[in-house]
Protein backbone atom coordinates (compact mmCIF):
# COMPACT_ATOMS: atom_id res chain seq x y z
CA MET A 1 22.55 35.80 -124.25
CA ARG A 2 24.41 38.91 -125.68
CA THR A 3 27.66 38.04 -127.50
CA ILE A 4 30.56 40.77 -126.98
CA ARG A 5 32.51 41.24 -130.14
CA THR A 6 36.11 42.37 -130.14
CA SER A 7 37.89 44.14 -133.04
CA PRO A 8 41.39 42.57 -134.24
CA ARG A 9 42.89 45.91 -133.44
CA ALA A 10 42.08 45.67 -129.82
CA VAL A 11 43.25 41.99 -129.74
CA ARG A 12 46.83 43.22 -131.10
CA THR A 13 46.82 46.02 -128.72
CA LEU A 14 46.14 43.80 -125.75
CA ALA A 15 48.84 41.26 -126.80
CA VAL A 16 51.48 43.93 -126.99
CA LEU A 17 50.64 45.24 -123.69
CA LEU A 18 50.91 41.80 -122.03
CA ALA A 19 54.33 41.23 -123.67
CA THR A 20 55.66 44.47 -122.41
CA LEU A 21 54.35 43.64 -119.11
CA ALA A 22 56.10 40.16 -119.00
CA LEU A 23 59.33 41.64 -120.12
CA ALA A 24 59.30 44.15 -117.35
CA LEU A 25 58.51 41.42 -114.84
CA LEU A 26 61.44 39.33 -115.70
CA PRO A 27 64.65 39.62 -113.95
CA ALA A 28 67.50 41.10 -115.92
CA ALA A 29 69.89 38.56 -117.41
CA PRO A 30 73.21 38.27 -115.61
CA ALA A 31 76.43 39.34 -117.50
CA THR A 32 78.18 36.32 -118.97
CA ALA A 33 81.80 35.50 -118.37
CA ASP A 34 82.58 36.35 -122.17
CA SER A 35 81.78 39.92 -121.76
CA GLY A 36 85.22 40.41 -120.10
CA PRO A 37 86.39 42.26 -117.12
CA VAL A 38 84.88 45.58 -116.15
CA VAL A 39 86.54 48.51 -114.26
CA ALA A 40 84.82 51.51 -112.72
CA LEU A 41 86.04 54.43 -111.08
CA SER A 42 84.43 56.72 -108.27
CA ARG A 43 85.92 59.70 -109.92
CA THR A 44 87.51 60.56 -113.24
CA GLU A 45 89.60 63.34 -112.07
CA GLY A 46 91.68 64.07 -108.98
CA GLY A 47 94.93 65.77 -107.72
CA LYS A 48 98.01 64.63 -106.30
CA GLY A 49 97.32 63.29 -102.64
CA GLY A 50 93.92 62.37 -103.36
CA GLU A 51 92.12 58.97 -103.40
CA ILE A 52 89.85 57.26 -105.67
CA THR A 53 87.85 54.03 -105.34
CA VAL A 54 88.41 51.47 -108.07
CA SER A 55 86.07 48.64 -108.39
CA GLY A 56 85.40 45.88 -111.01
CA SER A 57 83.63 42.67 -111.84
CA GLY A 58 84.05 39.92 -114.36
CA TRP A 59 87.49 38.98 -113.21
CA GLN A 60 88.76 35.58 -112.58
CA PRO A 61 87.83 34.59 -108.88
CA GLY A 62 91.08 34.64 -106.53
CA ALA A 63 93.15 36.47 -108.91
CA LEU A 64 95.69 38.93 -107.81
CA LEU A 65 95.47 42.47 -109.50
CA MET A 66 97.79 45.40 -109.68
CA LEU A 67 96.37 48.99 -109.86
CA LEU A 68 98.46 51.84 -111.26
CA VAL A 69 97.96 55.49 -112.38
CA CYS A 70 99.89 55.58 -115.49
CA GLY A 71 100.78 58.32 -118.18
CA GLN A 72 100.96 58.01 -121.87
CA GLY A 73 97.89 55.70 -121.99
CA ALA A 74 94.48 55.45 -123.49
CA PRO A 75 91.60 53.13 -123.24
CA GLY A 76 91.85 50.46 -125.99
CA LYS A 77 95.28 51.37 -126.80
CA GLY A 78 97.32 50.43 -123.82
CA VAL A 79 100.25 52.20 -121.95
CA VAL A 80 102.93 53.28 -124.07
CA GLY A 81 106.33 52.33 -122.38
CA GLY A 82 104.53 49.81 -120.02
CA THR A 83 104.90 50.13 -116.36
CA ASN A 84 107.75 52.49 -116.77
CA SER A 85 105.06 55.16 -117.38
CA CYS A 86 103.28 54.42 -114.12
CA ALA A 87 103.56 55.58 -110.56
CA ASN A 88 104.81 52.06 -109.49
CA ALA A 89 105.50 53.31 -105.69
CA GLU A 90 101.92 54.40 -105.30
CA GLY A 91 100.39 51.29 -106.68
CA ARG A 92 97.97 49.13 -104.98
CA ALA A 93 97.14 45.37 -105.11
CA ALA A 94 93.63 43.89 -104.99
CA THR A 95 92.34 40.37 -104.76
CA VAL A 96 89.41 39.19 -106.64
CA ASP A 97 86.48 37.73 -104.68
CA ALA A 98 84.37 34.45 -105.48
CA ARG A 99 82.10 36.41 -107.53
CA GLY A 100 84.67 37.99 -109.73
CA GLY A 101 84.65 41.40 -108.09
CA PHE A 102 86.89 43.72 -106.27
CA SER A 103 87.02 47.16 -104.76
CA ALA A 104 90.23 48.85 -103.55
CA ARG A 105 91.43 52.52 -102.75
CA LEU A 106 93.84 53.95 -104.96
CA PRO A 107 95.99 56.98 -104.19
CA VAL A 108 96.30 59.56 -106.85
CA ALA A 109 99.80 60.22 -107.77
CA GLU A 110 101.66 61.96 -110.74
CA PRO A 111 103.17 59.44 -113.00
CA PRO A 112 106.59 59.90 -114.65
CA LYS A 113 105.31 60.41 -118.22
CA PRO A 114 102.73 63.04 -119.21
CA CYS A 115 98.96 62.58 -119.46
CA PRO A 116 96.67 61.54 -121.22
CA CYS A 117 96.59 59.21 -117.91
CA VAL A 118 94.98 56.00 -117.17
CA VAL A 119 94.13 53.92 -114.36
CA HIS A 120 95.80 50.52 -115.32
CA VAL A 121 94.28 47.41 -113.73
CA ALA A 122 96.23 44.13 -114.86
CA GLY A 123 96.09 40.58 -113.39
CA VAL A 124 99.24 39.46 -111.73
CA THR A 125 98.04 35.93 -111.22
CA GLY A 126 95.62 33.84 -113.25
CA ARG A 127 94.62 35.13 -116.49
CA GLN A 128 96.79 38.25 -117.63
CA ASP A 129 93.75 40.49 -118.17
CA ALA A 130 94.16 44.21 -118.41
CA VAL A 131 91.72 47.06 -118.59
CA ASP A 132 92.62 50.72 -118.78
CA ARG A 133 90.30 53.68 -117.52
CA ALA A 134 90.89 57.37 -118.41
CA PHE A 135 91.70 59.55 -115.43
CA THR A 136 92.75 63.06 -115.27
CA VAL A 137 95.45 63.97 -112.90
CA ALA A 138 95.03 67.62 -112.11
CA GLY A 139 97.92 69.89 -112.58
CA HIS A 140 99.98 67.13 -114.45
CA PRO A 141 101.62 68.07 -117.77
CA THR A 142 99.76 66.62 -120.95
CA ALA A 143 101.33 65.65 -124.19
CA PRO A 144 100.21 63.82 -127.44
CA LEU A 145 100.73 59.97 -127.25
CA PRO A 146 104.05 59.15 -129.16
CA GLU A 147 103.66 57.67 -132.49
CA PRO A 148 104.31 53.91 -133.01
CA SER A 149 107.52 52.80 -134.08
CA GLY A 150 106.28 51.29 -137.37
CA ASP A 151 103.59 49.61 -139.09
CA GLY A 152 104.72 46.23 -138.40
CA ARG A 153 102.91 44.01 -135.86
CA LEU A 154 104.88 41.36 -134.34
CA ALA A 155 103.47 38.19 -132.54
CA VAL A 156 104.99 35.23 -130.85
CA LEU A 157 104.64 32.08 -133.01
CA THR A 158 106.25 29.39 -130.83
CA THR A 159 106.76 28.45 -127.11
CA VAL A 160 109.03 30.96 -125.45
CA ARG A 161 111.88 29.35 -123.19
CA LEU A 162 114.97 30.35 -121.37
CA GLU A 163 118.37 29.18 -122.24
CA GLY A 164 121.77 29.20 -120.18
CA ASP A 165 123.24 27.81 -116.90
CA ASP A 166 124.47 29.02 -113.76
CA GLY A 167 128.08 29.14 -113.26
CA VAL A 168 129.86 28.66 -109.91
CA LEU A 169 130.06 32.12 -109.06
CA VAL A 170 126.16 32.46 -109.29
CA ARG A 171 126.26 30.15 -105.98
CA PHE A 172 128.06 32.99 -104.49
CA GLY A 173 125.87 35.81 -105.15
CA ALA A 174 126.94 36.70 -108.58
CA PRO A 175 124.33 37.87 -111.06
CA ALA A 176 122.38 35.17 -112.86
CA SER A 177 121.92 35.70 -116.75
CA ARG A 178 119.88 33.80 -119.41
CA GLU A 179 118.67 34.25 -122.90
CA ILE A 180 115.17 34.22 -123.69
CA VAL A 181 114.56 32.81 -127.22
CA LEU A 182 111.29 33.22 -129.05
CA THR A 183 109.95 33.21 -132.66
CA VAL A 184 108.11 36.26 -133.81
CA GLY A 185 105.99 36.83 -136.86
CA ASN A 186 105.57 39.86 -138.70
CA LEU A 187 101.55 40.29 -139.14
CA GLY A 188 101.72 43.76 -140.60
CA PRO A 189 101.78 45.24 -143.98
CA ALA A 190 105.31 46.80 -143.57
CA PRO A 191 108.71 45.23 -142.79
CA VAL A 192 110.16 45.92 -139.06
CA LYS A 193 113.62 46.83 -139.14
CA ASP A 194 115.97 46.41 -135.88
CA PRO A 195 113.04 46.24 -133.56
CA VAL A 196 113.51 47.36 -129.99
CA PHE A 197 112.06 45.07 -127.34
CA ARG A 198 111.48 45.67 -123.58
CA ILE A 199 112.70 43.04 -121.26
CA GLY A 200 111.17 43.04 -117.78
CA THR A 201 111.87 40.98 -114.55
CA GLY A 202 109.24 40.93 -111.77
CA HIS A 203 109.46 39.25 -108.49
CA GLY A 204 106.23 38.44 -106.48
CA VAL A 205 103.61 41.21 -106.65
CA PHE A 206 106.03 43.94 -107.74
CA ALA A 207 105.80 45.35 -111.15
CA PRO A 208 108.52 44.31 -113.56
CA GLN A 209 111.45 46.54 -114.24
CA TYR A 210 111.90 47.05 -118.00
CA GLU A 211 115.23 47.57 -119.98
CA GLU A 212 115.27 48.08 -123.72
CA ARG A 213 116.95 45.54 -125.91
CA GLN A 214 117.41 45.97 -129.60
CA TRP A 215 117.57 42.99 -131.99
CA ARG A 216 119.50 43.54 -135.17
CA GLY A 217 117.85 42.40 -138.34
CA THR A 218 114.72 43.14 -140.62
CA ILE A 219 111.49 41.12 -140.29
CA ALA A 220 109.57 41.15 -143.69
CA SER A 221 105.87 41.40 -143.80
CA GLY A 222 104.55 37.86 -143.45
CA GLY A 223 107.98 36.60 -142.44
CA LYS A 224 109.28 35.36 -139.22
CA ALA A 225 112.62 35.31 -137.13
CA ARG A 226 114.17 33.82 -134.19
CA VAL A 227 115.04 36.34 -131.50
CA ARG A 228 117.31 36.08 -128.78
CA LEU A 229 117.47 38.56 -126.17
CA PRO A 230 119.85 38.63 -123.05
CA VAL A 231 118.13 39.21 -119.47
CA GLU A 232 120.11 39.48 -116.11
CA LEU A 233 119.04 39.67 -112.52
CA PRO A 234 120.59 41.63 -109.85
CA ALA A 235 123.32 40.13 -107.64
CA GLY A 236 122.20 37.92 -104.91
CA ALA A 237 118.60 37.45 -106.42
CA HIS A 238 116.78 34.20 -105.77
CA GLY A 239 113.13 32.91 -105.75
CA ASP A 240 110.52 32.86 -108.38
CA TYR A 241 110.77 35.54 -111.21
CA ARG A 242 108.71 36.34 -114.17
CA VAL A 243 110.38 37.46 -117.40
CA SER A 244 108.08 39.66 -119.69
CA VAL A 245 108.92 40.72 -123.19
CA THR A 246 106.99 43.68 -124.63
CA TYR A 247 106.88 45.41 -128.08
CA ALA A 248 105.12 48.62 -128.96
CA GLY A 249 103.51 48.60 -125.74
CA LYS A 250 102.07 45.17 -126.02
CA VAL A 251 103.18 41.98 -123.99
CA LEU A 252 104.39 39.50 -126.44
CA ALA A 253 105.30 36.79 -123.87
CA GLU A 254 105.90 35.91 -120.43
CA GLN A 255 108.28 33.12 -118.81
CA PRO A 256 108.63 32.04 -115.30
CA TRP A 257 112.27 31.71 -113.99
CA ALA A 258 113.22 29.88 -110.59
CA VAL A 259 116.54 30.94 -109.25
CA ASP A 260 118.24 28.76 -106.38
CA ARG A 261 119.41 30.41 -103.51
CA PRO A 262 123.05 31.29 -103.45
CA TRP A 263 124.33 28.60 -100.85
CA GLY A 264 127.83 29.50 -101.19
CA VAL A 265 127.17 33.02 -99.59
CA ILE A 266 125.52 31.18 -96.69
CA LEU A 267 128.38 28.73 -96.44
CA PHE A 268 130.96 31.67 -96.45
CA TRP A 269 129.20 33.61 -93.73
CA ALA A 270 128.92 30.18 -91.59
CA LEU A 271 132.70 29.67 -91.92
CA LEU A 272 133.24 33.11 -91.21
CA ALA A 273 131.27 32.88 -87.97
CA ILE A 274 133.43 30.06 -86.78
CA VAL A 275 136.83 31.27 -87.91
CA VAL A 276 136.77 34.65 -86.58
CA PRO A 277 135.69 33.78 -83.16
CA ALA A 278 138.35 30.93 -82.88
CA ALA A 279 140.91 33.69 -83.91
CA LEU A 280 139.81 35.94 -81.45
CA PHE A 281 139.87 33.20 -78.77
CA ARG A 282 143.48 32.58 -79.70
CA ILE A 283 144.55 36.21 -79.59
CA GLY A 284 142.81 36.69 -76.22
CA MET A 285 144.73 33.49 -74.75
CA ALA A 286 147.87 35.15 -76.03
CA LEU A 287 147.29 38.45 -74.41
CA VAL A 288 146.27 36.58 -71.15
CA ASP A 289 149.61 34.67 -71.20
CA ARG A 290 151.60 37.90 -71.61
CA ALA A 291 149.70 39.66 -68.87
CA ARG A 292 150.58 36.86 -66.37
CA PRO A 293 153.27 37.47 -63.60
CA PRO A 294 156.81 36.56 -64.51
CA ALA A 295 157.08 34.09 -61.54
CA ASP A 296 154.10 32.31 -62.71
CA ARG A 297 155.46 32.31 -66.31
CA HIS A 298 158.96 30.90 -65.17
CA ARG A 299 158.01 28.54 -62.49
CA PRO A 300 160.54 25.52 -62.43
CA ARG A 301 159.10 22.40 -63.57
CA PRO A 302 159.29 19.37 -61.12
CA ARG A 303 162.32 17.09 -61.41
CA PRO A 304 161.61 13.58 -62.87
CA ARG A 305 161.73 10.53 -60.60
CA PRO A 306 164.93 8.52 -60.77
CA ARG A 307 164.72 5.44 -62.65
CA THR A 308 164.97 2.23 -60.74
CA ARG A 309 167.70 0.04 -61.69
CA MET A 310 167.33 -3.70 -61.89
CA ARG A 311 169.45 -5.93 -59.41
CA VAL A 312 170.82 -9.32 -60.80
CA PRO A 313 170.73 -12.01 -58.13
CA GLY A 314 174.23 -12.98 -56.87
CA PHE A 315 175.74 -9.88 -58.30
CA VAL A 316 177.14 -7.23 -55.86
CA ARG A 317 178.54 -3.86 -57.09
CA ARG A 318 181.87 -3.02 -55.76
CA VAL A 319 182.17 0.47 -54.09
CA PRO A 320 185.61 1.83 -52.96
CA GLY A 321 185.71 2.38 -49.34
CA ASP A 322 182.78 -0.07 -48.64
CA ALA A 323 183.18 -2.52 -45.89
CA GLU A 324 181.82 -5.09 -47.92
CA SER A 325 184.02 -4.65 -50.95
CA THR A 326 186.67 -7.01 -49.72
CA GLU A 327 184.30 -9.89 -50.14
CA ALA A 328 184.52 -11.82 -53.15
CA THR A 329 182.18 -10.69 -55.89
CA ALA A 330 180.04 -13.43 -57.05
CA VAL A 331 180.72 -14.02 -60.76
CA LEU A 332 178.01 -14.56 -63.13
CA PRO A 333 177.82 -18.11 -64.50
CA TRP A 334 178.11 -16.76 -68.06
CA PHE A 335 181.00 -14.35 -67.26
CA ARG A 336 184.68 -15.86 -67.15
CA PRO A 337 187.25 -13.04 -66.66
CA ASP A 338 189.96 -15.01 -68.48
CA SER A 339 191.64 -11.99 -69.71
CA ALA A 340 192.12 -10.59 -66.13
CA PRO A 341 195.79 -10.70 -64.96
CA SER A 342 196.47 -12.91 -62.20
CA ALA A 343 197.84 -11.32 -58.90
CA PRO A 344 201.73 -12.15 -58.31
CA GLU A 345 202.28 -14.81 -55.39
CA SER A 346 204.23 -13.51 -52.58
CA SER A 347 207.42 -15.41 -51.73
CA PRO A 348 208.39 -16.66 -48.35
CA THR A 349 211.29 -14.26 -48.25
CA THR A 350 209.02 -11.39 -48.81
CA LYS A 351 206.67 -12.54 -46.14
CA GLY A 352 209.31 -13.00 -43.67
CA HIS A 353 210.71 -9.41 -44.21
CA ALA A 354 206.87 -8.21 -43.80
């Protein structure tokens, strides 16, 4: 019997080939949830009036996303100025499916700030994830990104809360106001003097509308400070709102705010709906009364029936000229006319002459 001998080099080569073949046949490992959300664009450039497809994966299932074209932004640096630098009117919303993916059509619009521009995708509900992808808006002006306001880096150290109560006028549609209180710390190497925060209030799926609020004071490097910032809603606002605080283009904190319905306004309109028709009815009846003919207006009223007089038994009223008036009037048992003058007796002489 002949023995076949193989060299060690051939054995190593065969092992490498088998390992390579095994790796090729194995399925690709799925992306883990720790890889973070991903966003892809069908095109990286477009003009005003066009449309692109925005898709993604790795997002929280069932979350609601907001898609915007923003200026003054760059991937990894965020959007300077927040959503005030975005074309909010042309934004779109998308819902993440059960697998963590989404796909939506987004119209190309010119943002209010110059480029560099990005397509900003942020979570409205669920995890507050945000991803920016570079996008070029054809024909839109460009400008360098503004420099940061300082070397300080502020972070929230404690729980954020809203302080304040609603007055009586808020029940009748007056603007509701609160103070958002947060403790921030300076994690940067330089102090921060008179920082300017941006306070935004969002309702439902709409993007927050931001306003600048400056806090007077200095936060040293490694120090902390308690910050109070006023926030106010428009007149007649009610429902579930979301208050956001940003600094240097980054969201520091968000706090929900539930505003009751102004029942005083509803009560006022309900009373007005009752009082006005009643007043119009009274005015109409007065006009109808004036328009009636005078004969109907001055019609004589019926005379009242005469009252029945009670007759006492044994008592007869004497009426002059009555035939029965000569009869003796029955005297009531309790009546004694002692004071009545007696009639003079006639003398015989007088009778004879008669």
